[in-house]
Amino acid sequence: MGRQKLLLPLRGSPIVRWSVVALRPHVDDLVVVTGADAEAVHDALRGLPVRLVANPHPEAGQGSSIAVGAAALAPGTRAVVIALGDQPHVPDDVVPALLATWRRTGHAIVAPVYRGVQGTPVLFAAEVFAELAALTGDTGARGVVGARPERVARVAFDTPMPADVDTPEDFARLHVEWSFVRPEIAKIRELMEAAEYVTDAPVATSVHLATTLHKPLLVEGHAGVGKTEIAKVMARMLDTNLIRLQCYEGLDAAATLYEWNYQKQLLHIKLGEASTRPVGEREHEIFSEPFLLRRPLLQAISQETSPVLLIDEIDRADEELEAFMLEIFAEWQVTIPEVGTIKAAHPPHVILTSNRTRELSDALRRRCLYLWIDYPDFDKEVRIVERKTPGINARLAREVARFMEALRRVRLAKVPGVAETLDWAQALVALHADHLDGELVTETLGCVLKDADDIKRFHAEVTKAGLGTFLPTGG
């Protein structure tokens, strides 16, 4: 994309301005190295307390820009943080953590590690300034970092690596994210990503509103796209209990709320046959808390802190159960004749999921916030595969995502979801595959398609159009 990517507009300001604004509070002196676009960058940073230094030979690569910047450091500078101009959202805690580690350990270099991947920005102490000033070529400062590993301290962060802009696709994705994401939503996204859920702005916004407004969230979508996982991740994110109610046809209120432990009651009666206590007293005893079996809804009401209540596949239950749940949602209390009224001190966060096997009632829909999750686009599915499949290489992850994208355009009875994508990716890694080919696809097709007619349709499509429809060029 060239250096002009620094000037691309992002939420009303050039990318480079966002990058500088993110770093400025943490450093005493901020030097921006420019190339042929020096005047435009100067205009983009107008009003900010920075020093601009021109690289006379930007075509010599990133190393030459670092060398120019190192030569421009003020006398007496003890350490420098080198950051990318096209990385507009470095988390607020990164630079302070690098500085604190350097002061504590005295290492010459301090680098951040985002979930096992070393990234930027990187701190360099004065003792390596001469090496930075001698850099050439396009490898940047990686050679200095890698020259002597023993002088490098690493700081681990449980957040994704801050995005930079290398391709038009990178910018398009960043533009979408920044166009819609408010700071509180960005925080939810970071928390969900830290809990291993690859998310986007609509999902993060829905989760934020559900927790803030304390309203049930109805999540609909195709099978296997990650609806249930939202509740699991939400529980980890909030550090609370997950209580799951799996719905099925014929599920009644007793199975969702409470039952009496009849076996325990009968045993207690048998053991107390010789007792001389009044019958009423003995009857009251067997219909007390120790003999009560709390089912998911009552468990959710009885927690000391707000749990996450997952009502999974609500569309499989009967409409009568929907009406009963609406009553529970309205008051968050239950009356048990033998025990009394139990009211939630801390009402649960509720996630309902549906595969749309039947239409849900309008009353339930009005009571809930709503989120539709579709199959992920190519870039998102690549991120999911790379995050959830240890050991997979970038080429294979992209080929798998591209194959699934093409496969879902075929008229299938059971369209594979993300769950099948991950099953297949893990199987390919287990087979030590590093790319897709026709033979490997045929051998592992059962990881993706689980219906005999769908397999026939796939082979018919391959016979008609060739496997190239599904495999990337050269794959």
Protein backbone atom coordinates (compact mmCIF):
# COMPACT_ATOMS: atom_id res chain seq x y z
CA MET A 1 0.00 0.00 0.00
CA GLY A 2 2.99 2.31 0.35
CA ARG A 3 3.55 5.00 2.97
CA GLN A 4 0.36 6.80 1.93
CA LYS A 5 -1.46 4.30 4.13
CA LEU A 6 -0.48 6.55 7.06
CA LEU A 7 -2.78 9.20 5.64
CA LEU A 8 -5.84 7.01 5.16
CA PRO A 9 -8.82 8.43 7.08
CA LEU A 10 -10.00 6.58 10.15
CA ARG A 11 -12.92 8.02 12.11
CA GLY A 12 -12.21 11.51 10.80
CA SER A 13 -8.41 11.57 11.24
CA PRO A 14 -5.44 10.03 9.39
CA ILE A 15 -4.14 6.72 10.73
CA VAL A 16 -0.77 8.24 11.66
CA ARG A 17 -2.47 10.81 13.90
CA TRP A 18 -4.25 8.07 15.86
CA SER A 19 -0.93 6.24 16.22
CA VAL A 20 0.78 9.32 17.63
CA VAL A 21 -2.12 10.19 19.95
CA ALA A 22 -2.00 6.67 21.43
CA LEU A 23 1.73 6.95 22.23
CA ARG A 24 2.11 10.60 23.20
CA PRO A 25 0.99 10.34 26.88
CA HIS A 26 3.65 7.72 27.65
CA VAL A 27 6.83 9.35 26.24
CA ASP A 28 8.74 12.57 26.81
CA ASP A 29 9.80 13.18 23.21
CA LEU A 30 8.06 11.81 20.13
CA VAL A 31 9.95 11.68 16.83
CA VAL A 32 8.09 10.88 13.60
CA VAL A 33 10.23 9.82 10.65
CA THR A 34 8.74 10.79 7.27
CA GLY A 35 9.56 9.97 3.68
CA ALA A 36 8.41 11.44 0.39
CA ASP A 37 5.06 12.38 1.97
CA ALA A 38 6.64 14.57 4.67
CA GLU A 39 4.46 17.61 3.99
CA ALA A 40 1.21 15.60 4.11
CA VAL A 41 2.26 13.87 7.35
CA HIS A 42 3.17 17.28 8.82
CA ASP A 43 -0.36 18.50 8.03
CA ALA A 44 -1.88 15.31 9.47
CA LEU A 45 -0.05 15.86 12.79
CA ARG A 46 -0.61 19.61 12.97
CA GLY A 47 -1.08 20.76 16.58
CA LEU A 48 0.50 17.69 18.19
CA PRO A 49 3.78 18.07 20.18
CA VAL A 50 5.98 15.93 17.93
CA ARG A 51 9.25 16.35 16.03
CA LEU A 52 9.29 15.41 12.35
CA VAL A 53 12.51 14.11 10.82
CA ALA A 54 12.77 13.35 7.08
CA ASN A 55 14.37 10.17 5.80
CA PRO A 56 16.24 11.23 2.63
CA HIS A 57 16.24 7.66 1.33
CA PRO A 58 12.92 6.02 2.27
CA GLU A 59 13.35 3.57 -0.58
CA ALA A 60 16.18 1.99 1.44
CA GLY A 61 13.62 0.36 3.70
CA GLN A 62 12.35 0.51 7.26
CA GLY A 63 15.85 0.04 8.68
CA SER A 64 16.94 3.36 7.21
CA SER A 65 13.98 5.14 8.83
CA ILE A 66 14.87 3.66 12.23
CA ALA A 67 18.46 4.77 11.74
CA VAL A 68 17.34 8.33 10.96
CA GLY A 69 15.11 8.35 14.03
CA ALA A 70 17.88 7.01 16.27
CA ALA A 71 20.25 9.72 15.06
CA ALA A 72 17.64 12.37 15.90
CA LEU A 73 17.22 11.36 19.54
CA ALA A 74 17.85 14.09 22.07
CA PRO A 75 21.17 13.89 23.98
CA GLY A 76 20.81 12.02 27.24
CA THR A 77 17.92 9.85 26.04
CA ARG A 78 18.07 6.63 28.09
CA ALA A 79 15.56 4.54 26.15
CA VAL A 80 13.42 4.72 23.02
CA VAL A 81 10.15 2.99 22.10
CA ILE A 82 9.93 2.20 18.39
CA ALA A 83 6.36 1.96 17.11
CA LEU A 84 4.66 1.67 13.73
CA GLY A 85 2.92 4.66 12.21
CA ASP A 86 0.16 2.44 10.82
CA GLN A 87 -0.74 0.83 14.16
CA PRO A 88 -3.44 3.18 15.47
CA HIS A 89 -4.63 1.26 18.53
CA VAL A 90 -1.82 0.16 20.82
CA PRO A 91 -3.53 -0.72 24.14
CA ASP A 92 -2.96 1.88 26.87
CA ASP A 93 -1.12 -0.54 29.16
CA VAL A 94 1.55 -1.71 26.69
CA VAL A 95 4.08 1.14 26.72
CA PRO A 96 3.87 1.67 30.53
CA ALA A 97 4.45 -2.08 31.00
CA LEU A 98 7.49 -2.00 28.71
CA LEU A 99 8.93 0.97 30.59
CA ALA A 100 8.27 -0.61 33.99
CA THR A 101 9.96 -3.86 32.92
CA TRP A 102 13.00 -1.99 31.60
CA ARG A 103 13.36 -0.02 34.85
CA ARG A 104 12.98 -3.17 36.93
CA THR A 105 15.19 -5.57 34.94
CA GLY A 106 17.66 -3.31 33.16
CA HIS A 107 17.40 -5.35 29.96
CA ALA A 108 18.62 -3.64 26.82
CA ILE A 109 15.47 -4.57 24.87
CA VAL A 110 11.89 -5.09 26.07
CA ALA A 111 9.34 -6.55 23.64
CA PRO A 112 5.61 -7.26 24.02
CA VAL A 113 4.23 -10.74 23.38
CA TYR A 114 0.56 -10.91 22.43
CA ARG A 115 -0.77 -14.39 23.17
CA GLY A 116 2.52 -16.00 22.31
CA VAL A 117 3.35 -13.79 19.32
CA GLN A 118 6.05 -11.13 19.65
CA GLY A 119 4.97 -7.76 18.32
CA THR A 120 5.40 -4.01 18.53
CA PRO A 121 6.12 -1.43 19.89
CA VAL A 122 9.55 -2.43 21.26
CA LEU A 123 11.70 -0.59 23.81
CA PHE A 124 15.46 -0.20 23.22
CA ALA A 125 17.85 1.08 25.89
CA ALA A 126 20.70 3.53 25.10
CA GLU A 127 23.29 0.74 24.91
CA VAL A 128 21.83 -0.45 21.58
CA PHE A 129 21.29 2.99 20.00
CA ALA A 130 24.44 2.55 17.91
CA GLU A 131 23.05 -0.69 16.44
CA LEU A 132 19.79 1.06 15.58
CA ALA A 133 21.66 3.92 13.92
CA ALA A 134 23.52 1.42 11.71
CA LEU A 135 20.38 -0.33 10.39
CA THR A 136 19.68 -0.62 6.67
CA GLY A 137 17.26 -2.60 4.52
CA ASP A 138 13.64 -3.56 5.16
CA THR A 139 13.99 -5.91 8.14
CA GLY A 140 13.56 -3.08 10.61
CA ALA A 141 14.83 -3.67 14.14
CA ARG A 142 14.23 -7.44 14.11
CA GLY A 143 17.93 -8.08 13.58
CA VAL A 144 18.83 -6.10 16.70
CA VAL A 145 16.20 -7.94 18.75
CA GLY A 146 17.29 -11.35 17.52
CA ALA A 147 21.06 -10.83 17.64
CA ARG A 148 21.41 -11.63 21.35
CA PRO A 149 18.29 -13.16 22.89
CA GLU A 150 19.71 -12.99 26.42
CA ARG A 151 19.41 -9.20 26.50
CA VAL A 152 15.69 -9.24 25.58
CA ALA A 153 12.96 -9.12 28.23
CA ARG A 154 9.47 -10.03 27.10
CA VAL A 155 6.16 -8.84 28.55
CA ALA A 156 3.11 -11.05 27.98
CA PHE A 157 -0.28 -9.54 27.17
CA ASP A 158 -3.49 -11.53 27.00
CA THR A 159 -4.87 -9.44 24.14
CA PRO A 160 -4.67 -9.72 20.35
CA MET A 161 -1.74 -8.07 18.62
CA PRO A 162 -2.69 -4.48 17.70
CA ALA A 163 -3.67 -4.36 14.03
CA ASP A 164 -1.53 -2.54 11.51
CA VAL A 165 -2.36 -1.74 7.89
CA ASP A 166 -0.42 -3.61 5.23
CA THR A 167 -3.16 -4.37 2.69
CA PRO A 168 -6.42 -2.80 1.49
CA GLU A 169 -8.21 -5.63 3.31
CA ASP A 170 -6.50 -4.65 6.59
CA PHE A 171 -7.70 -1.09 6.19
CA ALA A 172 -11.23 -2.14 5.24
CA ARG A 173 -11.49 -4.31 8.36
CA LEU A 174 -10.03 -1.57 10.57
CA HIS A 175 -12.34 1.02 9.07
CA VAL A 176 -15.41 -1.09 9.81
CA GLU A 177 -14.27 -1.70 13.38
CA TRP A 178 -13.45 1.94 14.10
CA SER A 179 -16.61 3.21 12.41
CA PHE A 180 -18.87 1.43 14.87
CA VAL A 181 -16.90 0.59 17.99
CA ARG A 182 -17.18 2.86 21.02
CA PRO A 183 -14.59 2.61 23.80
CA GLU A 184 -16.83 0.50 26.03
CA ILE A 185 -17.56 -1.84 23.12
CA ALA A 186 -13.86 -2.06 22.31
CA LYS A 187 -13.28 -3.12 25.92
CA ILE A 188 -15.89 -5.88 25.60
CA ARG A 189 -14.23 -7.03 22.38
CA GLU A 190 -10.86 -7.20 24.10
CA LEU A 191 -12.36 -9.21 26.96
CA MET A 192 -14.09 -11.61 24.57
CA GLU A 193 -10.95 -12.01 22.48
CA ALA A 194 -9.00 -12.67 25.69
CA ALA A 195 -11.55 -15.42 26.42
CA GLU A 196 -10.72 -16.98 23.03
CA TYR A 197 -13.81 -15.80 21.13
CA VAL A 198 -13.12 -14.16 17.77
CA THR A 199 -15.75 -11.45 17.74
CA ASP A 200 -16.88 -8.33 15.90
CA ALA A 201 -18.64 -5.08 16.74
CA PRO A 202 -22.30 -6.32 16.53
CA VAL A 203 -21.61 -9.25 18.86
CA ALA A 204 -19.64 -7.13 21.34
CA THR A 205 -22.32 -4.43 21.30
CA SER A 206 -25.08 -6.97 21.96
CA VAL A 207 -23.18 -8.51 24.88
CA HIS A 208 -22.45 -5.05 26.30
CA LEU A 209 -26.12 -4.03 26.11
CA ALA A 210 -27.32 -7.34 27.55
CA THR A 211 -25.06 -6.97 30.60
CA THR A 212 -25.66 -3.24 31.01
CA LEU A 213 -29.45 -3.26 30.56
CA HIS A 214 -29.81 -6.70 32.17
CA LYS A 215 -32.08 -7.88 29.37
CA PRO A 216 -32.15 -11.38 27.88
CA LEU A 217 -30.23 -11.71 24.61
CA LEU A 218 -31.79 -13.92 21.93
CA VAL A 219 -29.11 -15.21 19.54
CA GLU A 220 -30.25 -16.83 16.29
CA GLY A 221 -28.23 -18.23 13.44
CA HIS A 222 -27.23 -21.33 11.56
CA ALA A 223 -26.07 -24.38 13.45
CA GLY A 224 -22.39 -24.33 14.40
CA VAL A 225 -21.70 -20.59 14.07
CA GLY A 226 -20.85 -19.96 17.75
CA LYS A 227 -24.15 -19.00 19.38
CA THR A 228 -23.72 -21.20 22.46
CA GLU A 229 -20.10 -20.15 22.78
CA ILE A 230 -21.19 -16.55 23.45
CA ALA A 231 -22.70 -17.58 26.79
CA LYS A 232 -19.62 -19.62 27.74
CA VAL A 233 -17.30 -16.75 26.89
CA MET A 234 -19.57 -14.27 28.67
CA ALA A 235 -19.34 -16.33 31.86
CA ARG A 236 -15.53 -16.44 31.66
CA MET A 237 -15.43 -12.73 30.86
CA LEU A 238 -17.59 -11.87 33.90
CA ASP A 239 -15.85 -14.48 36.08
CA THR A 240 -19.18 -16.02 37.07
CA ASN A 241 -21.00 -19.35 36.87
CA LEU A 242 -22.54 -20.66 33.67
CA ILE A 243 -25.87 -22.46 34.15
CA ARG A 244 -27.18 -24.27 31.09
CA LEU A 245 -30.74 -25.33 30.28
CA GLN A 246 -30.75 -27.58 27.20
CA CYS A 247 -34.18 -27.44 25.60
CA TYR A 248 -35.95 -30.33 23.87
CA GLU A 249 -39.44 -31.24 22.77
CA GLY A 250 -41.64 -32.07 25.75
CA LEU A 251 -39.52 -30.19 28.28
CA ASP A 252 -41.84 -29.07 31.09
CA ALA A 253 -41.64 -26.49 33.86
CA ALA A 254 -40.69 -29.04 36.53
CA ALA A 255 -37.56 -30.05 34.65
CA THR A 256 -36.50 -26.41 34.30
CA LEU A 257 -37.33 -25.22 37.83
CA TYR A 258 -37.28 -27.80 40.62
CA GLU A 259 -38.28 -31.32 41.63
CA TRP A 260 -38.41 -33.18 44.91
CA ASN A 261 -35.86 -35.90 45.52
CA TYR A 262 -38.40 -38.72 45.86
CA GLN A 263 -35.83 -41.46 46.47
CA LYS A 264 -34.28 -39.48 49.31
CA GLN A 265 -37.72 -38.71 50.73
CA LEU A 266 -38.77 -42.39 50.67
CA LEU A 267 -35.51 -43.43 52.31
CA HIS A 268 -35.98 -40.78 55.00
CA ILE A 269 -39.55 -41.95 55.64
CA LYS A 270 -38.40 -45.57 55.85
CA LEU A 271 -35.65 -44.73 58.32
CA GLY A 272 -38.07 -42.69 60.43
CA GLU A 273 -40.88 -45.24 60.66
CA ALA A 274 -40.17 -45.83 64.35
CA SER A 275 -40.12 -42.10 65.13
CA THR A 276 -42.65 -40.76 67.63
CA ARG A 277 -42.58 -37.23 66.18
CA PRO A 278 -45.88 -35.80 64.90
CA VAL A 279 -46.76 -36.65 61.28
CA GLY A 280 -46.99 -32.97 60.32
CA GLU A 281 -43.47 -32.33 61.56
CA ARG A 282 -42.08 -35.28 59.64
CA GLU A 283 -43.97 -34.22 56.52
CA HIS A 284 -42.62 -30.69 56.79
CA GLU A 285 -39.09 -32.08 57.10
CA ILE A 286 -39.17 -34.10 53.87
CA PHE A 287 -40.49 -31.07 51.97
CA SER A 288 -37.63 -28.82 52.99
CA GLU A 289 -34.48 -27.51 51.29
CA PRO A 290 -32.31 -30.66 51.77
CA PHE A 291 -34.80 -32.66 49.66
CA LEU A 292 -35.16 -30.04 46.91
CA LEU A 293 -33.51 -30.66 43.53
CA ARG A 294 -32.78 -27.29 41.99
CA ARG A 295 -33.03 -27.32 38.20
CA PRO A 296 -31.39 -24.65 35.99
CA LEU A 297 -33.92 -21.83 36.41
CA LEU A 298 -34.03 -22.14 40.19
CA GLN A 299 -30.24 -22.48 40.32
CA ALA A 300 -29.93 -19.23 38.36
CA ILE A 301 -32.24 -17.43 40.78
CA SER A 302 -30.41 -18.73 43.87
CA GLN A 303 -26.82 -17.63 43.09
CA GLU A 304 -24.88 -15.22 45.31
CA THR A 305 -23.65 -13.34 42.24
CA SER A 306 -25.31 -12.91 38.85
CA PRO A 307 -24.60 -16.04 36.80
CA VAL A 308 -24.96 -16.46 33.04
CA LEU A 309 -28.06 -18.52 32.25
CA LEU A 310 -27.84 -20.22 28.86
CA ILE A 311 -31.20 -21.39 27.51
CA ASP A 312 -29.93 -23.40 24.58
CA GLU A 313 -32.03 -24.17 21.48
CA ILE A 314 -35.22 -22.62 22.84
CA ASP A 315 -36.85 -23.34 19.46
CA ARG A 316 -36.86 -27.07 20.31
CA ALA A 317 -39.09 -26.51 23.36
CA ASP A 318 -42.87 -26.05 23.29
CA GLU A 319 -44.58 -22.67 23.20
CA GLU A 320 -46.02 -23.29 26.67
CA LEU A 321 -42.47 -23.28 28.07
CA GLU A 322 -41.83 -19.90 26.42
CA ALA A 323 -44.80 -18.43 28.30
CA PHE A 324 -43.54 -19.89 31.57
CA MET A 325 -40.07 -18.42 31.03
CA LEU A 326 -41.56 -15.01 30.34
CA GLU A 327 -43.16 -15.12 33.78
CA ILE A 328 -39.80 -15.98 35.35
CA PHE A 329 -38.02 -13.21 33.41
CA ALA A 330 -40.59 -10.66 34.59
CA GLU A 331 -40.07 -11.08 38.35
CA TRP A 332 -37.11 -13.41 38.84
CA GLN A 333 -38.88 -15.15 41.67
CA VAL A 334 -40.43 -18.57 42.20
CA THR A 335 -42.98 -19.70 44.75
CA ILE A 336 -42.63 -23.26 46.02
CA PRO A 337 -45.73 -24.11 48.10
CA GLU A 338 -43.85 -26.16 50.68
CA VAL A 339 -40.90 -23.76 50.99
CA GLY A 340 -42.14 -20.27 50.13
CA THR A 341 -41.06 -17.60 47.64
CA ILE A 342 -37.47 -17.51 46.42
CA LYS A 343 -36.49 -14.21 44.80
CA ALA A 344 -33.24 -13.53 43.00
CA ALA A 345 -30.95 -11.16 44.89
CA HIS A 346 -28.76 -11.07 41.78
CA PRO A 347 -30.77 -11.80 38.59
CA PRO A 348 -28.85 -13.77 35.95
CA HIS A 349 -27.59 -12.60 32.59
CA VAL A 350 -29.67 -14.59 30.09
CA ILE A 351 -28.61 -15.86 26.68
CA LEU A 352 -31.19 -17.72 24.59
CA THR A 353 -30.13 -19.48 21.38
CA SER A 354 -32.27 -20.66 18.47
CA ASN A 355 -31.58 -22.49 15.21
CA ARG A 356 -34.99 -21.33 13.87
CA THR A 357 -36.47 -24.84 13.63
CA ARG A 358 -39.74 -23.07 14.53
CA GLU A 359 -40.81 -19.47 14.95
CA LEU A 360 -40.59 -18.10 18.46
CA SER A 361 -43.47 -16.10 19.91
CA ASP A 362 -43.63 -12.36 19.42
CA ALA A 363 -43.91 -11.94 23.20
CA LEU A 364 -40.54 -13.61 23.77
CA ARG A 365 -38.89 -11.64 20.98
CA ARG A 366 -40.18 -8.34 22.40
CA ARG A 367 -38.78 -9.20 25.81
CA CYS A 368 -35.25 -9.82 24.45
CA LEU A 369 -32.46 -8.03 22.69
CA TYR A 370 -31.76 -9.73 19.37
CA LEU A 371 -28.60 -10.84 17.59
CA TRP A 372 -28.30 -12.74 14.31
CA ILE A 373 -25.01 -14.57 13.68
CA ASP A 374 -24.31 -15.54 10.10
CA TYR A 375 -21.51 -17.67 8.73
CA PRO A 376 -18.24 -15.72 9.14
CA ASP A 377 -16.67 -13.92 6.21
CA PHE A 378 -13.33 -15.12 4.87
CA ASP A 379 -11.08 -12.93 7.04
CA LYS A 380 -12.97 -13.70 10.24
CA GLU A 381 -12.94 -17.45 9.55
CA VAL A 382 -9.18 -17.33 8.97
CA ARG A 383 -8.77 -15.64 12.36
CA ILE A 384 -10.96 -18.27 14.01
CA VAL A 385 -9.02 -21.14 12.44
CA GLU A 386 -5.65 -19.67 13.41
CA ARG A 387 -6.82 -18.95 16.96
CA LYS A 388 -8.50 -22.30 17.59
CA THR A 389 -6.13 -24.65 15.73
CA PRO A 390 -2.66 -24.79 17.30
CA GLY A 391 0.05 -25.66 14.82
CA ILE A 392 -1.76 -24.66 11.63
CA ASN A 393 0.21 -22.56 9.16
CA ALA A 394 -1.13 -19.39 7.58
CA ARG A 395 -1.43 -20.88 4.09
CA LEU A 396 -3.50 -23.86 5.21
CA ALA A 397 -5.74 -21.67 7.38
CA ARG A 398 -6.53 -19.44 4.42
CA GLU A 399 -7.11 -22.42 2.10
CA VAL A 400 -9.50 -24.03 4.59
CA ALA A 401 -11.44 -20.77 5.00
CA ARG A 402 -11.61 -20.24 1.23
CA PHE A 403 -12.79 -23.83 0.69
CA MET A 404 -15.55 -23.45 3.30
CA GLU A 405 -16.63 -20.14 1.80
CA ALA A 406 -17.06 -21.82 -1.61
CA LEU A 407 -18.68 -24.96 -0.15
CA ARG A 408 -21.43 -22.94 1.55
CA ARG A 409 -22.49 -21.62 -1.86
CA VAL A 410 -23.43 -25.17 -2.91
CA ARG A 411 -27.07 -26.15 -2.24
CA LEU A 412 -26.54 -28.50 0.70
CA ALA A 413 -29.05 -30.05 3.09
CA LYS A 414 -26.72 -29.53 6.06
CA VAL A 415 -24.47 -26.54 5.46
CA PRO A 416 -21.26 -26.88 7.52
CA GLY A 417 -20.68 -24.28 10.21
CA VAL A 418 -17.60 -23.02 12.00
CA ALA A 419 -17.61 -26.15 14.18
CA GLU A 420 -17.04 -28.29 11.09
CA THR A 421 -14.36 -25.88 9.86
CA LEU A 422 -12.45 -26.33 13.11
CA ASP A 423 -12.93 -30.12 13.10
CA TRP A 424 -11.46 -30.23 9.61
CA ALA A 425 -8.58 -27.87 10.39
CA GLN A 426 -7.63 -29.94 13.44
CA ALA A 427 -7.80 -33.13 11.39
CA LEU A 428 -5.54 -31.63 8.71
CA VAL A 429 -3.00 -30.59 11.34
CA ALA A 430 -3.13 -34.10 12.82
CA LEU A 431 -2.32 -35.42 9.35
CA HIS A 432 0.64 -32.99 9.13
CA ALA A 433 -0.85 -31.25 6.09
CA ASP A 434 0.53 -27.86 5.09
CA HIS A 435 -1.78 -27.22 2.11
CA LEU A 436 -4.91 -28.60 0.46
CA ASP A 437 -5.03 -30.78 -2.62
CA GLY A 438 -7.72 -32.91 -4.26
CA GLU A 439 -6.66 -36.19 -2.66
CA LEU A 440 -6.54 -34.72 0.85
CA VAL A 441 -9.97 -33.10 0.41
CA THR A 442 -11.49 -36.42 -0.68
CA GLU A 443 -9.94 -38.31 2.23
CA THR A 444 -11.12 -35.84 4.88
CA LEU A 445 -14.46 -34.74 3.45
CA GLY A 446 -16.30 -36.53 6.24
CA CYS A 447 -15.02 -33.92 8.70
CA VAL A 448 -17.03 -31.28 6.87
CA LEU A 449 -20.05 -32.93 5.23
CA LYS A 450 -22.19 -35.19 7.43
CA ASP A 451 -24.89 -36.17 4.93
CA ALA A 452 -24.59 -38.73 2.12
CA ASP A 453 -26.65 -36.64 -0.32
CA ASP A 454 -24.49 -33.59 0.40
CA ILE A 455 -21.35 -35.59 -0.39
CA LYS A 456 -22.92 -36.65 -3.70
CA ARG A 457 -23.80 -33.02 -4.48
CA PHE A 458 -20.24 -31.95 -3.73
CA HIS A 459 -18.77 -34.60 -6.05
CA ALA A 460 -21.30 -33.62 -8.74
CA GLU A 461 -20.21 -30.01 -8.42
CA VAL A 462 -16.56 -31.02 -8.71
CA THR A 463 -17.33 -33.13 -11.78
CA LYS A 464 -19.13 -30.21 -13.40
CA ALA A 465 -16.84 -27.29 -12.50
CA GLY A 466 -13.65 -28.88 -11.21
CA LEU A 467 -12.04 -28.69 -7.80
CA GLY A 468 -10.57 -25.29 -8.63
CA THR A 469 -13.90 -23.77 -7.58
CA PHE A 470 -13.06 -24.74 -3.99
CA LEU A 471 -9.28 -24.64 -3.88
CA PRO A 472 -7.32 -21.37 -4.22
CA THR A 473 -5.24 -20.98 -7.35
CA GLY A 474 -2.08 -22.99 -6.92
CA GLY A 475 -3.58 -24.80 -3.86
